[in-house]
Amino acid sequence: MSETIQNGKFVELTYKVTDKKSGHVLTRVDFPLGYIHGFNEILAPSVHMQLEGLSAGETVEVPIDGNQIFGPRDESLVFTDHIENVPEEYREVGTTILMENDRGETRSFIVTRMDDKTMTVDGNNPLCGREVVFTLEILTVRDATDDETKAGGVIDTGADIDPSLIKPV
């Protein structure tokens, strides 16, 4: 009998997030993402709840209302400025910019629009105001080792490097 996801189990999965209305894939993680269930959960609690009891090889779809997780969209977090006021390295749609207010609080903004004269950034979470579907594929379920539980995930033993490629300086 295969192991099922429950607290203390090491879980590896991949997932994609699809906009329920348009059907467009908003993001996807194709490399195995590992965590210890019940200890260092990496996704929304409602997603983790739906994983409980599943086994490696199973796929689950979890609908999520972005308003419930991230709150409603706040248009006061959307700013447009003249392009010449923006450093060159930020002038690309999709770029994330970490900004700080006068109280020292930080927030990530994403460049959402650009033309020859202006650039728009948005501080709302991209899932705000959207209904999405997380599609998760469970790859591995096994007992976590004590070291993994302490570290909060898989222990990387280091990169596989051919020693003959290492040259002294």
N, C-alpha and C. Protein backbone atom coordinates (compact mmCIF):
# COMPACT_ATOMS: atom_id res chain seq x y z
N MET A 1 0.84 -1.19 0.00
CA MET A 1 0.00 0.00 0.00
C MET A 1 0.88 1.24 0.00
N SER A 2 0.55 2.22 -0.83
CA SER A 2 1.38 3.42 -0.91
C SER A 2 1.07 4.37 0.26
N GLU A 3 2.06 5.19 0.56
CA GLU A 3 1.91 6.14 1.67
C GLU A 3 1.01 7.29 1.25
N THR A 4 0.29 7.83 2.23
CA THR A 4 -0.59 8.96 1.96
C THR A 4 -0.08 10.21 2.67
N ILE A 5 -0.44 11.35 2.13
CA ILE A 5 -0.01 12.64 2.69
C ILE A 5 -0.71 12.86 4.02
N GLN A 6 0.13 13.09 5.03
CA GLN A 6 -0.34 13.44 6.38
C GLN A 6 0.81 14.15 7.07
N ASN A 7 0.56 14.72 8.23
CA ASN A 7 1.59 15.45 8.96
C ASN A 7 2.84 14.60 9.14
N GLY A 8 4.00 15.23 8.90
CA GLY A 8 5.28 14.56 9.07
C GLY A 8 5.78 13.84 7.83
N LYS A 9 4.98 13.80 6.78
CA LYS A 9 5.41 13.15 5.54
C LYS A 9 6.15 14.15 4.65
N PHE A 10 7.20 13.65 4.00
CA PHE A 10 7.88 14.45 3.00
C PHE A 10 7.09 14.31 1.70
N VAL A 11 6.77 15.44 1.07
CA VAL A 11 5.95 15.45 -0.14
C VAL A 11 6.69 16.23 -1.22
N GLU A 12 6.73 15.67 -2.42
CA GLU A 12 7.22 16.40 -3.59
C GLU A 12 6.06 16.49 -4.57
N LEU A 13 5.91 17.66 -5.18
CA LEU A 13 4.83 17.85 -6.12
C LEU A 13 5.22 18.90 -7.16
N THR A 14 4.44 18.94 -8.22
CA THR A 14 4.49 20.02 -9.20
C THR A 14 3.09 20.59 -9.26
N TYR A 15 2.97 21.82 -9.76
CA TYR A 15 1.63 22.39 -9.86
C TYR A 15 1.57 23.47 -10.92
N LYS A 16 0.34 23.78 -11.31
CA LYS A 16 0.08 24.93 -12.16
C LYS A 16 -1.14 25.64 -11.62
N VAL A 17 -1.19 26.94 -11.89
CA VAL A 17 -2.32 27.77 -11.46
C VAL A 17 -2.97 28.32 -12.72
N THR A 18 -4.26 28.03 -12.89
CA THR A 18 -5.00 28.42 -14.08
C THR A 18 -6.10 29.40 -13.69
N ASP A 19 -6.25 30.47 -14.47
CA ASP A 19 -7.35 31.41 -14.27
C ASP A 19 -8.64 30.70 -14.65
N LYS A 20 -9.56 30.62 -13.71
CA LYS A 20 -10.81 29.87 -13.93
C LYS A 20 -11.64 30.49 -15.06
N LYS A 21 -11.63 31.81 -15.16
CA LYS A 21 -12.45 32.51 -16.15
C LYS A 21 -11.89 32.36 -17.57
N SER A 22 -10.60 32.60 -17.73
CA SER A 22 -10.00 32.61 -19.07
C SER A 22 -9.41 31.27 -19.48
N GLY A 23 -9.06 30.44 -18.49
CA GLY A 23 -8.40 29.17 -18.79
C GLY A 23 -6.90 29.30 -19.01
N HIS A 24 -6.36 30.52 -18.91
CA HIS A 24 -4.92 30.73 -19.10
C HIS A 24 -4.13 30.23 -17.89
N VAL A 25 -3.00 29.59 -18.16
CA VAL A 25 -2.10 29.17 -17.09
C VAL A 25 -1.34 30.41 -16.63
N LEU A 26 -1.48 30.76 -15.35
CA LEU A 26 -0.84 31.95 -14.80
C LEU A 26 0.58 31.66 -14.34
N THR A 27 0.78 30.51 -13.78
CA THR A 27 2.11 30.10 -13.34
C THR A 27 2.15 28.59 -13.27
N ARG A 28 3.36 28.06 -13.35
CA ARG A 28 3.51 26.62 -13.20
C ARG A 28 4.87 26.34 -12.60
N VAL A 29 4.93 25.28 -11.81
CA VAL A 29 6.17 24.80 -11.22
C VAL A 29 6.36 23.38 -11.73
N ASP A 30 7.31 23.21 -12.65
CA ASP A 30 7.53 21.90 -13.27
C ASP A 30 8.64 21.11 -12.60
N PHE A 31 9.45 21.77 -11.76
CA PHE A 31 10.49 21.04 -11.03
C PHE A 31 9.89 20.60 -9.70
N PRO A 32 10.31 19.46 -9.19
CA PRO A 32 9.72 18.98 -7.93
C PRO A 32 9.94 19.95 -6.78
N LEU A 33 8.86 20.28 -6.12
CA LEU A 33 8.87 21.18 -4.98
C LEU A 33 8.61 20.31 -3.74
N GLY A 34 9.56 20.29 -2.80
CA GLY A 34 9.44 19.42 -1.64
C GLY A 34 9.19 20.18 -0.35
N TYR A 35 8.43 19.58 0.53
CA TYR A 35 8.15 20.17 1.85
C TYR A 35 7.74 19.06 2.81
N ILE A 36 7.71 19.40 4.10
CA ILE A 36 7.24 18.46 5.12
C ILE A 36 5.81 18.86 5.48
N HIS A 37 4.87 17.98 5.21
CA HIS A 37 3.45 18.29 5.43
C HIS A 37 3.19 18.53 6.92
N GLY A 38 2.55 19.66 7.19
CA GLY A 38 2.22 20.01 8.57
C GLY A 38 3.32 20.82 9.26
N PHE A 39 4.47 20.99 8.61
CA PHE A 39 5.58 21.70 9.24
C PHE A 39 5.97 22.96 8.48
N ASN A 40 6.24 22.85 7.21
CA ASN A 40 6.65 24.03 6.44
C ASN A 40 5.85 24.13 5.15
N GLU A 41 4.57 24.17 5.30
CA GLU A 41 3.71 24.15 4.13
C GLU A 41 3.94 25.40 3.29
N ILE A 42 4.00 25.22 2.00
CA ILE A 42 4.45 26.25 1.08
C ILE A 42 3.33 26.88 0.27
N LEU A 43 2.15 26.32 0.33
CA LEU A 43 1.02 26.84 -0.42
C LEU A 43 -0.08 27.25 0.55
N ALA A 44 -1.15 27.78 0.04
CA ALA A 44 -2.27 28.21 0.87
C ALA A 44 -2.80 27.05 1.72
N PRO A 45 -3.20 27.31 2.96
CA PRO A 45 -3.72 26.24 3.82
C PRO A 45 -4.85 25.44 3.18
N SER A 46 -5.71 26.10 2.41
CA SER A 46 -6.82 25.37 1.77
C SER A 46 -6.31 24.38 0.73
N VAL A 47 -5.16 24.67 0.11
CA VAL A 47 -4.57 23.73 -0.84
C VAL A 47 -4.01 22.53 -0.08
N HIS A 48 -3.27 22.80 1.00
CA HIS A 48 -2.69 21.70 1.78
C HIS A 48 -3.75 20.78 2.36
N MET A 49 -4.88 21.35 2.76
CA MET A 49 -5.97 20.51 3.29
C MET A 49 -6.45 19.51 2.24
N GLN A 50 -6.48 19.92 0.97
CA GLN A 50 -6.96 19.04 -0.10
C GLN A 50 -5.95 17.95 -0.45
N LEU A 51 -4.70 18.14 -0.04
CA LEU A 51 -3.67 17.13 -0.32
C LEU A 51 -3.71 15.97 0.66
N GLU A 52 -4.23 16.20 1.85
CA GLU A 52 -4.25 15.15 2.88
C GLU A 52 -4.93 13.89 2.36
N GLY A 53 -4.27 12.76 2.58
CA GLY A 53 -4.82 11.46 2.20
C GLY A 53 -4.50 11.03 0.78
N LEU A 54 -3.88 11.91 -0.01
CA LEU A 54 -3.53 11.54 -1.38
C LEU A 54 -2.18 10.84 -1.41
N SER A 55 -1.90 10.14 -2.51
CA SER A 55 -0.67 9.37 -2.66
C SER A 55 0.09 9.82 -3.90
N ALA A 56 1.35 9.39 -3.99
CA ALA A 56 2.16 9.65 -5.17
C ALA A 56 1.44 9.14 -6.41
N GLY A 57 1.49 9.92 -7.49
CA GLY A 57 0.83 9.53 -8.73
C GLY A 57 -0.55 10.16 -8.89
N GLU A 58 -1.11 10.69 -7.82
CA GLU A 58 -2.43 11.30 -7.91
C GLU A 58 -2.32 12.78 -8.28
N THR A 59 -3.38 13.28 -8.91
CA THR A 59 -3.49 14.69 -9.28
C THR A 59 -4.79 15.21 -8.67
N VAL A 60 -4.74 16.45 -8.18
CA VAL A 60 -5.92 17.05 -7.58
C VAL A 60 -6.06 18.48 -8.08
N GLU A 61 -7.31 18.92 -8.29
CA GLU A 61 -7.60 20.30 -8.67
C GLU A 61 -8.27 20.97 -7.48
N VAL A 62 -7.74 22.15 -7.10
CA VAL A 62 -8.26 22.88 -5.95
C VAL A 62 -8.63 24.29 -6.40
N PRO A 63 -9.94 24.60 -6.42
CA PRO A 63 -10.34 25.97 -6.77
C PRO A 63 -10.05 26.91 -5.61
N ILE A 64 -9.57 28.11 -5.93
CA ILE A 64 -9.22 29.11 -4.92
C ILE A 64 -9.78 30.46 -5.35
N ASP A 65 -10.40 31.15 -4.41
CA ASP A 65 -10.83 32.53 -4.64
C ASP A 65 -9.73 33.44 -4.12
N GLY A 66 -9.02 34.12 -5.03
CA GLY A 66 -7.92 34.99 -4.66
C GLY A 66 -8.30 36.07 -3.67
N ASN A 67 -9.56 36.51 -3.69
CA ASN A 67 -10.02 37.52 -2.73
C ASN A 67 -9.98 37.00 -1.30
N GLN A 68 -10.26 35.71 -1.12
CA GLN A 68 -10.25 35.14 0.23
C GLN A 68 -8.84 35.03 0.78
N ILE A 69 -7.86 34.78 -0.08
CA ILE A 69 -6.49 34.61 0.38
C ILE A 69 -5.76 35.94 0.48
N PHE A 70 -5.91 36.78 -0.55
CA PHE A 70 -5.11 38.00 -0.64
C PHE A 70 -5.93 39.27 -0.42
N GLY A 71 -7.23 39.12 -0.21
CA GLY A 71 -8.08 40.30 -0.05
C GLY A 71 -8.49 40.86 -1.40
N PRO A 72 -9.37 41.86 -1.38
CA PRO A 72 -9.82 42.45 -2.65
C PRO A 72 -8.70 43.28 -3.28
N ARG A 73 -8.82 43.50 -4.55
CA ARG A 73 -7.86 44.32 -5.29
C ARG A 73 -7.91 45.75 -4.77
N ASP A 74 -6.74 46.38 -4.61
CA ASP A 74 -6.62 47.76 -4.09
C ASP A 74 -6.00 48.62 -5.19
N GLU A 75 -6.82 49.42 -5.84
CA GLU A 75 -6.34 50.25 -6.95
C GLU A 75 -5.36 51.33 -6.50
N SER A 76 -5.32 51.63 -5.19
CA SER A 76 -4.34 52.62 -4.71
C SER A 76 -2.91 52.06 -4.75
N LEU A 77 -2.76 50.78 -5.03
CA LEU A 77 -1.44 50.15 -5.16
C LEU A 77 -0.97 50.08 -6.61
N VAL A 78 -1.67 50.77 -7.50
CA VAL A 78 -1.30 50.81 -8.91
C VAL A 78 -0.80 52.23 -9.22
N PHE A 79 0.44 52.32 -9.74
CA PHE A 79 1.05 53.61 -10.02
C PHE A 79 1.57 53.66 -11.45
N THR A 80 1.38 54.82 -12.09
CA THR A 80 1.94 55.06 -13.42
C THR A 80 2.84 56.28 -13.31
N ASP A 81 4.03 56.18 -13.90
CA ASP A 81 5.00 57.28 -13.85
C ASP A 81 5.64 57.44 -15.22
N HIS A 82 6.28 58.59 -15.42
CA HIS A 82 7.02 58.82 -16.66
C HIS A 82 8.20 57.87 -16.71
N ILE A 83 8.43 57.30 -17.86
CA ILE A 83 9.47 56.28 -18.02
C ILE A 83 10.85 56.82 -17.65
N GLU A 84 11.12 58.10 -17.87
CA GLU A 84 12.45 58.64 -17.56
C GLU A 84 12.71 58.70 -16.06
N ASN A 85 11.68 58.56 -15.23
CA ASN A 85 11.85 58.54 -13.77
C ASN A 85 12.17 57.14 -13.25
N VAL A 86 12.19 56.17 -14.14
CA VAL A 86 12.38 54.78 -13.74
C VAL A 86 13.76 54.29 -14.20
N PRO A 87 14.55 53.72 -13.26
CA PRO A 87 15.86 53.18 -13.67
C PRO A 87 15.70 52.14 -14.79
N GLU A 88 16.68 52.13 -15.67
CA GLU A 88 16.67 51.27 -16.86
C GLU A 88 16.40 49.80 -16.53
N GLU A 89 17.00 49.28 -15.43
CA GLU A 89 16.88 47.85 -15.12
C GLU A 89 15.46 47.42 -14.76
N TYR A 90 14.56 48.39 -14.50
CA TYR A 90 13.18 48.04 -14.16
C TYR A 90 12.23 48.19 -15.34
N ARG A 91 12.72 48.56 -16.48
CA ARG A 91 11.87 48.86 -17.63
C ARG A 91 11.54 47.63 -18.47
N GLU A 92 10.91 46.65 -17.83
CA GLU A 92 10.47 45.46 -18.56
C GLU A 92 9.23 44.90 -17.88
N VAL A 93 8.19 44.64 -18.67
CA VAL A 93 6.95 44.08 -18.12
C VAL A 93 7.27 42.74 -17.47
N GLY A 94 6.75 42.55 -16.26
CA GLY A 94 6.98 41.32 -15.50
C GLY A 94 8.06 41.45 -14.45
N THR A 95 8.84 42.53 -14.51
CA THR A 95 9.90 42.74 -13.52
C THR A 95 9.28 43.03 -12.15
N THR A 96 9.85 42.42 -11.12
CA THR A 96 9.40 42.68 -9.75
C THR A 96 10.32 43.71 -9.12
N ILE A 97 9.72 44.69 -8.47
CA ILE A 97 10.46 45.77 -7.82
C ILE A 97 10.06 45.80 -6.36
N LEU A 98 11.03 45.71 -5.46
CA LEU A 98 10.76 45.79 -4.03
C LEU A 98 10.84 47.26 -3.64
N MET A 99 9.74 47.81 -3.11
CA MET A 99 9.69 49.23 -2.73
C MET A 99 9.45 49.33 -1.24
N GLU A 100 9.93 50.45 -0.67
CA GLU A 100 9.78 50.70 0.76
C GLU A 100 9.08 52.04 0.95
N ASN A 101 8.10 52.07 1.89
CA ASN A 101 7.42 53.33 2.17
C ASN A 101 8.17 54.09 3.27
N ASP A 102 7.65 55.25 3.65
CA ASP A 102 8.33 56.09 4.65
C ASP A 102 8.33 55.49 6.06
N ARG A 103 7.56 54.44 6.28
CA ARG A 103 7.56 53.74 7.58
C ARG A 103 8.49 52.53 7.57
N GLY A 104 9.20 52.31 6.46
CA GLY A 104 10.13 51.19 6.38
C GLY A 104 9.48 49.87 5.99
N GLU A 105 8.20 49.88 5.63
CA GLU A 105 7.50 48.66 5.21
C GLU A 105 7.78 48.41 3.73
N THR A 106 8.02 47.15 3.38
CA THR A 106 8.32 46.82 1.99
C THR A 106 7.15 46.07 1.35
N ARG A 107 7.06 46.21 0.05
CA ARG A 107 6.03 45.53 -0.74
C ARG A 107 6.60 45.32 -2.14
N SER A 108 6.26 44.17 -2.73
CA SER A 108 6.68 43.89 -4.10
C SER A 108 5.67 44.48 -5.08
N PHE A 109 6.18 45.13 -6.10
CA PHE A 109 5.37 45.65 -7.18
C PHE A 109 5.83 44.98 -8.47
N ILE A 110 4.89 44.77 -9.38
CA ILE A 110 5.21 44.14 -10.65
C ILE A 110 4.94 45.14 -11.76
N VAL A 111 5.88 45.25 -12.69
CA VAL A 111 5.68 46.11 -13.85
C VAL A 111 4.64 45.43 -14.73
N THR A 112 3.50 46.12 -14.92
CA THR A 112 2.39 45.51 -15.66
C THR A 112 2.17 46.11 -17.04
N ARG A 113 2.64 47.34 -17.25
CA ARG A 113 2.41 48.01 -18.52
C ARG A 113 3.54 48.99 -18.80
N MET A 114 3.87 49.13 -20.07
CA MET A 114 4.87 50.11 -20.49
C MET A 114 4.56 50.58 -21.90
N ASP A 115 4.85 51.84 -22.14
CA ASP A 115 4.85 52.36 -23.50
C ASP A 115 6.04 53.28 -23.62
N ASP A 116 6.11 54.09 -24.67
CA ASP A 116 7.27 54.96 -24.87
C ASP A 116 7.41 56.04 -23.81
N LYS A 117 6.30 56.39 -23.14
CA LYS A 117 6.33 57.52 -22.21
C LYS A 117 6.10 57.15 -20.75
N THR A 118 5.37 56.06 -20.50
CA THR A 118 5.00 55.73 -19.12
C THR A 118 5.23 54.26 -18.79
N MET A 119 5.26 54.00 -17.48
CA MET A 119 5.36 52.63 -16.97
C MET A 119 4.40 52.51 -15.79
N THR A 120 3.70 51.38 -15.71
CA THR A 120 2.75 51.13 -14.63
C THR A 120 3.23 49.95 -13.79
N VAL A 121 3.17 50.11 -12.45
CA VAL A 121 3.50 49.03 -11.53
C VAL A 121 2.27 48.76 -10.67
N ASP A 122 2.14 47.52 -10.21
CA ASP A 122 0.98 47.09 -9.43
C ASP A 122 1.47 46.34 -8.19
N GLY A 123 1.06 46.80 -7.00
CA GLY A 123 1.45 46.18 -5.74
C GLY A 123 0.48 45.13 -5.25
N ASN A 124 -0.58 44.87 -5.99
CA ASN A 124 -1.52 43.81 -5.62
C ASN A 124 -0.91 42.46 -5.96
N ASN A 125 -1.25 41.45 -5.17
CA ASN A 125 -0.86 40.09 -5.53
C ASN A 125 -1.53 39.77 -6.85
N PRO A 126 -0.81 39.12 -7.79
CA PRO A 126 -1.40 38.82 -9.09
C PRO A 126 -2.68 37.97 -9.03
N LEU A 127 -2.93 37.29 -7.91
CA LEU A 127 -4.14 36.47 -7.79
C LEU A 127 -5.31 37.22 -7.17
N CYS A 128 -5.09 38.46 -6.72
CA CYS A 128 -6.18 39.28 -6.17
C CYS A 128 -7.29 39.41 -7.20
N GLY A 129 -8.51 39.23 -6.74
CA GLY A 129 -9.65 39.44 -7.62
C GLY A 129 -9.87 38.33 -8.64
N ARG A 130 -9.09 37.28 -8.57
CA ARG A 130 -9.22 36.18 -9.54
C ARG A 130 -9.68 34.90 -8.86
N GLU A 131 -10.43 34.12 -9.60
CA GLU A 131 -10.72 32.77 -9.18
C GLU A 131 -9.78 31.89 -10.00
N VAL A 132 -9.02 31.05 -9.29
CA VAL A 132 -8.02 30.22 -9.95
C VAL A 132 -8.20 28.76 -9.55
N VAL A 133 -7.55 27.90 -10.30
CA VAL A 133 -7.55 26.47 -9.98
C VAL A 133 -6.10 26.02 -9.89
N PHE A 134 -5.71 25.51 -8.72
CA PHE A 134 -4.41 24.87 -8.54
C PHE A 134 -4.56 23.43 -8.98
N THR A 135 -3.75 22.98 -9.92
CA THR A 135 -3.71 21.58 -10.32
C THR A 135 -2.37 21.04 -9.85
N LEU A 136 -2.42 20.12 -8.89
CA LEU A 136 -1.21 19.61 -8.26
C LEU A 136 -1.02 18.14 -8.58
N GLU A 137 0.20 17.78 -8.96
CA GLU A 137 0.53 16.38 -9.22
C GLU A 137 1.50 15.93 -8.12
N ILE A 138 1.10 14.93 -7.36
CA ILE A 138 1.94 14.42 -6.27
C ILE A 138 2.94 13.44 -6.85
N LEU A 139 4.22 13.71 -6.61
CA LEU A 139 5.28 12.86 -7.16
C LEU A 139 5.83 11.88 -6.14
N THR A 140 5.98 12.34 -4.87
CA THR A 140 6.61 11.53 -3.83
C THR A 140 5.87 11.75 -2.52
N VAL A 141 5.65 10.68 -1.78
CA VAL A 141 5.16 10.75 -0.41
C VAL A 141 5.94 9.69 0.37
N ARG A 142 6.64 10.13 1.41
CA ARG A 142 7.40 9.19 2.23
C ARG A 142 7.59 9.81 3.61
N ASP A 143 8.07 9.00 4.55
CA ASP A 143 8.39 9.53 5.87
C ASP A 143 9.53 10.52 5.74
N ALA A 144 9.41 11.64 6.43
CA ALA A 144 10.50 12.61 6.47
C ALA A 144 11.55 12.11 7.45
N THR A 145 12.80 12.37 7.14
CA THR A 145 13.87 12.04 8.09
C THR A 145 13.87 13.09 9.20
N ASP A 146 14.51 12.79 10.32
CA ASP A 146 14.61 13.76 11.40
C ASP A 146 15.31 15.03 10.92
N ASP A 147 16.38 14.85 10.13
CA ASP A 147 17.12 16.01 9.62
C ASP A 147 16.24 16.86 8.70
N GLU A 148 15.44 16.22 7.86
CA GLU A 148 14.55 16.97 6.97
C GLU A 148 13.51 17.73 7.78
N THR A 149 12.97 17.11 8.81
CA THR A 149 11.98 17.78 9.64
C THR A 149 12.60 18.99 10.32
N LYS A 150 13.81 18.86 10.84
CA LYS A 150 14.49 19.99 11.47
C LYS A 150 14.78 21.09 10.47
N ALA A 151 15.18 20.71 9.25
CA ALA A 151 15.54 21.70 8.22
C ALA A 151 14.30 22.25 7.50
N GLY A 152 13.18 21.57 7.63
CA GLY A 152 11.96 22.02 6.97
C GLY A 152 11.83 21.56 5.53
N GLY A 153 12.68 20.64 5.11
CA GLY A 153 12.59 20.13 3.74
C GLY A 153 13.73 19.20 3.45
N VAL A 154 13.87 18.85 2.18
CA VAL A 154 14.89 17.90 1.77
C VAL A 154 16.27 18.49 2.02
N ILE A 155 17.20 17.65 2.41
CA ILE A 155 18.58 18.05 2.65
C ILE A 155 19.36 17.81 1.36
N ASP A 156 19.90 18.88 0.80
CA ASP A 156 20.70 18.77 -0.42
C ASP A 156 22.12 18.41 -0.02
N THR A 157 22.60 17.31 -0.55
CA THR A 157 23.94 16.85 -0.20
C THR A 157 25.01 17.55 -1.03
N GLY A 158 24.62 18.49 -1.84
CA GLY A 158 25.58 19.23 -2.65
C GLY A 158 25.47 18.84 -4.10
N ALA A 159 26.04 19.68 -4.92
CA ALA A 159 25.97 19.45 -6.36
C ALA A 159 26.90 18.32 -6.76
N ASP A 160 26.51 17.59 -7.78
CA ASP A 160 27.38 16.56 -8.34
C ASP A 160 28.36 17.26 -9.28
N ILE A 161 29.60 17.40 -8.82
CA ILE A 161 30.62 18.08 -9.60
C ILE A 161 31.75 17.10 -9.88
N ASP A 162 32.14 17.04 -11.12
CA ASP A 162 33.26 16.21 -11.51
C ASP A 162 34.53 16.86 -10.98
N PRO A 163 35.26 16.19 -10.03
CA PRO A 163 36.45 16.80 -9.43
C PRO A 163 37.50 17.19 -10.45
N SER A 164 37.54 16.55 -11.60
CA SER A 164 38.54 16.89 -12.61
C SER A 164 38.29 18.27 -13.23
N LEU A 165 37.05 18.81 -13.02
CA LEU A 165 36.74 20.12 -13.57
C LEU A 165 37.17 21.26 -12.65
N ILE A 166 37.54 20.93 -11.41
CA ILE A 166 37.93 21.96 -10.44
C ILE A 166 39.42 22.26 -10.67
N LYS A 167 39.68 23.52 -10.95
CA LYS A 167 41.05 23.95 -11.22
C LYS A 167 41.51 24.87 -10.09
N PRO A 168 42.73 24.66 -9.58
CA PRO A 168 43.24 25.54 -8.53
C PRO A 168 43.46 26.94 -9.08
N VAL A 169 43.30 27.94 -8.18
CA VAL A 169 43.52 29.34 -8.59
C VAL A 169 44.88 29.82 -8.22
